[in-house]
């Protein structure tokens, strides 16, 4: 496919690549060695599902009464130092709503189990209303697939060494494919981080007044993800990301206005 396209584009060979190849080809995250051809990705006319935040839940119905929930970003020193060195253990603890070490240090909201596939396609966006007890702060978000399920490996697995001939006078390459792993309880779909001082844009700095609520949108990384029946869509709201942000471990406390906060998920319509 790569050879066909490059031959068409670079050597101007009329090999009909523009009609033989799909506009978009996406590997399925739920089934090994399965690809889907599409006419577009991140299409602006994709339908959007709005999910509201309730008491630990994501629902299509808005909350009838104002509700606020909060969390502290400061971990006990021993726990903080451990997670700063063991990112995988931190991620597992962050995602597990029964983990005592992270209780009170993040908020988890889960939708009902899917009764049919949901193909997320685009940039999920969180509209959040938040206050922090100091004049600085940041928020992080993770969109999670919750289920006890066999998933594909994060990286391709080598099936045969030096098995693919790349052409005359070229080196060979190993045959690598994503393979199903052992059962796991969750899969990261997308994530995002924002400095509250840059809530209106990376090049704009604004004052953060303690305990004052601010509303803004946070677009997560674009994705195409097949959420299977029986799986739950989850949203985690937290601050410090041990793997990707600064780790100040400051005594910051965040309050989220749930009634004014929602998750918007673009998806492929039927």
Protein backbone atom coordinates (compact mmCIF):
# COMPACT_ATOMS: atom_id res chain seq x y z
CA UNK A 1 0.00 0.00 0.00
CA UNK A 2 2.81 2.42 0.87
CA UNK A 3 4.64 1.55 -2.35
CA UNK A 4 1.45 2.03 -4.39
CA UNK A 5 0.78 5.45 -2.90
CA UNK A 6 4.37 6.75 -3.07
CA UNK A 7 4.71 5.56 -6.65
CA UNK A 8 1.57 7.49 -7.51
CA UNK A 9 2.55 10.67 -5.65
CA UNK A 10 6.32 10.83 -6.19
CA UNK A 11 6.70 9.28 -9.64
CA UNK A 12 3.34 10.39 -11.04
CA UNK A 13 2.49 6.84 -12.11
CA UNK A 14 -1.18 6.44 -13.00
CA UNK A 15 -1.71 3.30 -10.90
CA UNK A 16 -5.15 4.37 -9.62
CA UNK A 17 -3.91 4.56 -6.02
CA UNK A 18 -6.39 7.35 -5.32
CA UNK A 19 -9.29 5.00 -6.07
CA UNK A 20 -7.82 1.68 -4.92
CA UNK A 21 -6.84 2.90 -1.45
CA UNK A 22 -9.39 4.13 1.12
CA UNK A 23 -9.13 7.67 2.46
CA UNK A 24 -8.71 6.32 5.99
CA UNK A 25 -7.66 2.84 7.16
CA UNK A 26 -7.87 2.18 10.90
CA UNK A 27 -6.80 -0.89 12.86
CA UNK A 28 -9.51 -2.14 15.22
CA UNK A 29 -8.52 -1.91 18.89
CA UNK A 30 -10.75 -4.82 19.93
CA UNK A 31 -9.89 -7.49 17.34
CA UNK A 32 -6.41 -8.52 16.20
CA UNK A 33 -5.44 -8.10 12.53
CA UNK A 34 -8.69 -6.31 11.68
CA UNK A 35 -8.77 -3.10 9.65
CA UNK A 36 -11.64 -0.78 8.73
CA UNK A 37 -11.80 1.48 5.69
CA UNK A 38 -13.46 4.86 6.20
CA UNK A 39 -14.11 7.93 4.12
CA UNK A 40 -12.96 10.33 6.86
CA UNK A 41 -11.54 10.71 10.37
CA UNK A 42 -12.55 13.44 12.84
CA UNK A 43 -15.38 14.34 10.50
CA UNK A 44 -16.95 17.65 11.66
CA UNK A 45 -20.47 16.30 11.05
CA UNK A 46 -20.06 13.30 13.38
CA UNK A 47 -22.89 13.12 15.94
CA UNK A 48 -21.90 14.08 19.49
CA UNK A 49 -23.15 12.44 22.68
CA UNK A 50 -23.25 14.61 25.79
CA UNK A 51 -22.71 12.84 29.11
CA UNK A 52 -23.32 14.65 32.39
CA UNK A 53 -21.48 14.02 35.63
CA UNK A 54 -23.46 12.61 38.54
CA UNK A 55 -22.48 10.89 41.75
CA UNK A 56 -19.69 8.70 40.33
CA UNK A 57 -21.70 8.30 37.11
CA UNK A 58 -21.79 9.50 33.52
CA UNK A 59 -25.39 9.88 32.39
CA UNK A 60 -27.27 11.39 29.49
CA UNK A 61 -29.60 13.13 31.99
CA UNK A 62 -28.41 16.33 33.66
CA UNK A 63 -28.36 16.59 37.44
CA UNK A 64 -31.56 18.13 38.84
CA UNK A 65 -29.69 19.81 41.73
CA UNK A 66 -26.26 21.48 41.92
CA UNK A 67 -23.65 19.04 43.19
CA UNK A 68 -19.99 19.67 43.98
CA UNK A 69 -17.22 17.12 44.45
CA UNK A 70 -13.59 17.74 45.25
CA UNK A 71 -10.20 16.08 45.53
CA UNK A 72 -6.76 16.85 46.92
CA UNK A 73 -3.69 16.74 44.71
CA UNK A 74 -1.30 16.21 47.60
CA UNK A 75 -0.34 12.60 48.34
CA UNK A 76 1.45 11.37 51.47
CA UNK A 77 5.20 11.83 50.90
CA UNK A 78 6.01 8.12 50.87
CA UNK A 79 3.20 7.33 48.41
CA UNK A 80 4.13 10.29 46.22
CA UNK A 81 7.79 9.25 45.96
CA UNK A 82 6.83 5.68 45.13
CA UNK A 83 4.41 6.65 42.36
CA UNK A 84 6.90 9.18 40.95
CA UNK A 85 9.23 6.24 40.23
CA UNK A 86 6.62 3.62 39.34
CA UNK A 87 4.32 5.20 36.76
CA UNK A 88 2.61 1.93 35.87
CA UNK A 89 1.60 1.35 39.50
CA UNK A 90 0.35 4.94 39.72
CA UNK A 91 -1.75 4.51 36.58
CA UNK A 92 -3.28 1.29 37.91
CA UNK A 93 -4.08 2.96 41.25
CA UNK A 94 -5.51 6.05 39.56
CA UNK A 95 -7.86 3.95 37.44
CA UNK A 96 -8.99 1.60 40.22
CA UNK A 97 -11.87 3.24 42.10
CA UNK A 98 -11.36 0.84 45.01
CA UNK A 99 -7.70 1.78 45.56
CA UNK A 100 -7.32 3.32 49.04
CA UNK A 101 -4.07 5.16 48.23
CA UNK A 102 -5.77 7.29 45.58
CA UNK A 103 -9.11 7.76 47.34
CA UNK A 104 -9.76 11.48 47.62
CA UNK A 105 -7.08 12.32 45.05
CA UNK A 106 -9.15 11.98 41.89
CA UNK A 107 -12.75 11.66 40.75
CA UNK A 108 -14.01 8.73 38.66
CA UNK A 109 -17.27 8.77 36.70
CA UNK A 110 -18.59 5.71 34.84
CA UNK A 111 -21.35 5.31 32.28
CA UNK A 112 -23.67 2.30 32.18
CA UNK A 113 -22.39 -0.77 30.37
CA UNK A 114 -22.70 -0.57 26.61
CA UNK A 115 -25.53 -2.59 25.09
CA UNK A 116 -24.12 -2.09 21.59
CA UNK A 117 -20.77 -0.99 20.13
CA UNK A 118 -19.85 2.69 20.42
CA UNK A 119 -17.16 3.85 17.97
CA UNK A 120 -15.63 7.06 19.31
CA UNK A 121 -14.25 9.11 16.43
CA UNK A 122 -12.76 12.56 17.03
CA UNK A 123 -11.74 14.68 20.00
CA UNK A 124 -13.72 14.04 23.19
CA UNK A 125 -14.16 17.35 25.02
CA UNK A 126 -14.75 18.08 28.68
CA UNK A 127 -16.56 21.29 29.59
CA UNK A 128 -15.54 21.78 33.20
CA UNK A 129 -16.42 24.22 35.97
CA UNK A 130 -13.66 24.14 38.59
CA UNK A 131 -12.26 26.07 41.56
CA UNK A 132 -8.93 25.60 43.35
CA UNK A 133 -7.94 26.79 46.82
CA UNK A 134 -4.76 28.58 45.65
CA UNK A 135 -3.77 30.94 42.83
CA UNK A 136 -2.26 28.15 40.70
CA UNK A 137 -3.50 24.81 39.48
CA UNK A 138 -3.91 22.32 36.66
CA UNK A 139 -6.35 19.64 35.68
CA UNK A 140 -5.88 16.31 33.93
CA UNK A 141 -8.43 14.01 32.35
CA UNK A 142 -8.41 10.40 31.20
CA UNK A 143 -11.06 8.66 29.14
CA UNK A 144 -11.08 4.97 30.08
CA UNK A 145 -12.57 1.73 28.75
CA UNK A 146 -13.57 -0.23 31.87
CA UNK A 147 -14.09 -3.98 31.51
CA UNK A 148 -12.41 -7.29 32.30
CA UNK A 149 -11.32 -8.09 28.79
CA UNK A 150 -8.46 -9.34 26.60
CA UNK A 151 -6.95 -6.35 24.83
CA UNK A 152 -4.30 -5.79 22.20
CA UNK A 153 -0.74 -5.16 23.34
CA UNK A 154 0.31 -1.48 23.54
CA UNK A 155 3.07 -2.15 20.99
CA UNK A 156 3.38 -4.71 18.17
CA UNK A 157 4.90 -8.09 19.09
CA UNK A 158 7.62 -9.65 16.94
CA UNK A 159 6.26 -12.85 15.37
CA UNK A 160 9.24 -13.63 13.13
CA UNK A 161 12.64 -11.97 12.98
CA UNK A 162 13.87 -10.52 9.65
CA UNK A 163 10.92 -12.07 7.85
CA UNK A 164 9.90 -9.19 5.57
CA UNK A 165 11.95 -8.34 2.49
CA UNK A 166 11.82 -4.57 1.92
CA UNK A 167 13.05 -4.79 -1.66
CA UNK A 168 16.21 -5.01 -3.73
CA UNK A 169 19.32 -3.84 -1.82
CA UNK A 170 17.22 -3.06 1.24
CA UNK A 171 17.40 -4.60 4.68
CA UNK A 172 14.82 -7.03 5.97
CA UNK A 173 12.37 -6.24 8.70
CA UNK A 174 10.78 -8.32 11.43
CA UNK A 175 7.13 -9.30 11.13
CA UNK A 176 5.31 -7.55 13.98
CA UNK A 177 1.63 -7.54 14.92
CA UNK A 178 -0.51 -6.42 17.83
CA UNK A 179 -1.51 -9.50 19.81
CA UNK A 180 -4.17 -10.14 22.42
CA UNK A 181 -2.81 -9.94 25.97
CA UNK A 182 -4.01 -11.45 29.22
CA UNK A 183 -7.21 -10.15 30.76
CA UNK A 184 -7.06 -6.58 32.05
CA UNK A 185 -9.56 -4.31 33.81
CA UNK A 186 -9.14 -1.12 31.81
CA UNK A 187 -7.73 0.49 28.68
CA UNK A 188 -6.73 4.15 28.29
CA UNK A 189 -8.63 5.75 25.39
CA UNK A 190 -7.45 9.37 25.53
CA UNK A 191 -6.16 12.02 27.93
CA UNK A 192 -5.49 15.74 28.33
CA UNK A 193 -3.92 18.28 30.69
CA UNK A 194 -4.45 22.02 31.18
CA UNK A 195 -2.84 24.73 33.30
CA UNK A 196 -5.65 26.78 34.85
CA UNK A 197 -3.71 29.97 34.12
CA UNK A 198 -3.82 29.03 30.40
CA UNK A 199 -7.49 28.09 30.37
CA UNK A 200 -8.20 30.38 27.38
CA UNK A 201 -5.18 29.25 25.33
CA UNK A 202 -1.52 28.31 25.65
CA UNK A 203 -0.34 31.82 24.76
CA UNK A 204 -2.74 33.59 27.14
CA UNK A 205 -2.05 33.78 30.88
CA UNK A 206 -4.89 34.67 33.20
CA UNK A 207 -5.13 35.12 36.95
CA UNK A 208 -6.47 32.28 39.09
CA UNK A 209 -8.24 33.55 42.19
CA UNK A 210 -8.50 31.04 45.07
CA UNK A 211 -11.90 29.33 45.42
CA UNK A 212 -13.36 31.12 42.38
CA UNK A 213 -15.05 28.92 39.77
CA UNK A 214 -13.92 29.03 36.15
CA UNK A 215 -15.55 27.34 33.19
CA UNK A 216 -13.70 26.25 30.05
CA UNK A 217 -13.39 23.45 27.50
CA UNK A 218 -10.59 20.88 27.40
CA UNK A 219 -10.19 18.85 24.20
CA UNK A 220 -8.66 15.41 24.73
CA UNK A 221 -6.32 13.80 22.23
CA UNK A 222 -8.14 12.76 19.03
CA UNK A 223 -8.93 9.08 18.83
CA UNK A 224 -10.81 6.33 17.04
CA UNK A 225 -11.87 3.71 19.56
CA UNK A 226 -14.29 0.79 19.42
CA UNK A 227 -16.05 0.45 22.80
CA UNK A 228 -17.60 -3.01 22.88
CA UNK A 229 -20.91 -4.18 24.45
CA UNK A 230 -20.52 -4.88 28.16
CA UNK A 231 -17.77 -2.25 28.50
CA UNK A 232 -18.12 1.01 30.47
CA UNK A 233 -16.93 4.42 29.41
CA UNK A 234 -15.18 6.17 32.28
CA UNK A 235 -13.85 9.68 32.91
CA UNK A 236 -11.14 10.37 35.50
CA UNK A 237 -10.61 13.94 36.70
CA UNK A 238 -7.34 14.56 38.55
CA UNK A 239 -4.40 16.99 38.61
CA UNK A 240 -0.82 15.68 38.72
CA UNK A 241 0.03 13.11 36.07
CA UNK A 242 3.12 11.23 37.26
CA UNK A 243 4.09 10.40 33.70
CA UNK A 244 3.37 13.66 31.88
CA UNK A 245 3.14 16.75 34.12
CA UNK A 246 5.14 18.51 36.83
CA UNK A 247 4.92 16.80 40.22
CA UNK A 248 4.71 19.56 42.79
CA UNK A 249 2.70 17.58 45.36
CA UNK A 250 1.34 20.88 46.67
CA UNK A 251 -1.62 21.20 49.07
CA UNK A 252 -4.03 22.01 46.24
CA UNK A 253 -7.71 21.15 46.58
CA UNK A 254 -9.99 21.21 43.54
CA UNK A 255 -13.77 21.47 43.53
CA UNK A 256 -15.78 20.44 40.47
CA UNK A 257 -19.29 21.77 39.86
CA UNK A 258 -20.85 18.62 38.45
CA UNK A 259 -24.03 20.27 37.21
CA UNK A 260 -21.99 22.66 35.03
CA UNK A 261 -19.55 19.98 33.82
CA UNK A 262 -20.07 17.49 30.99
CA UNK A 263 -18.27 15.19 28.56
CA UNK A 264 -18.93 15.44 24.84
CA UNK A 265 -18.07 12.34 22.80
CA UNK A 266 -18.06 12.39 18.98
CA UNK A 267 -18.94 9.02 17.47
CA UNK A 268 -19.75 7.30 14.20
CA UNK A 269 -23.48 7.24 13.55
CA UNK A 270 -25.24 4.12 12.36
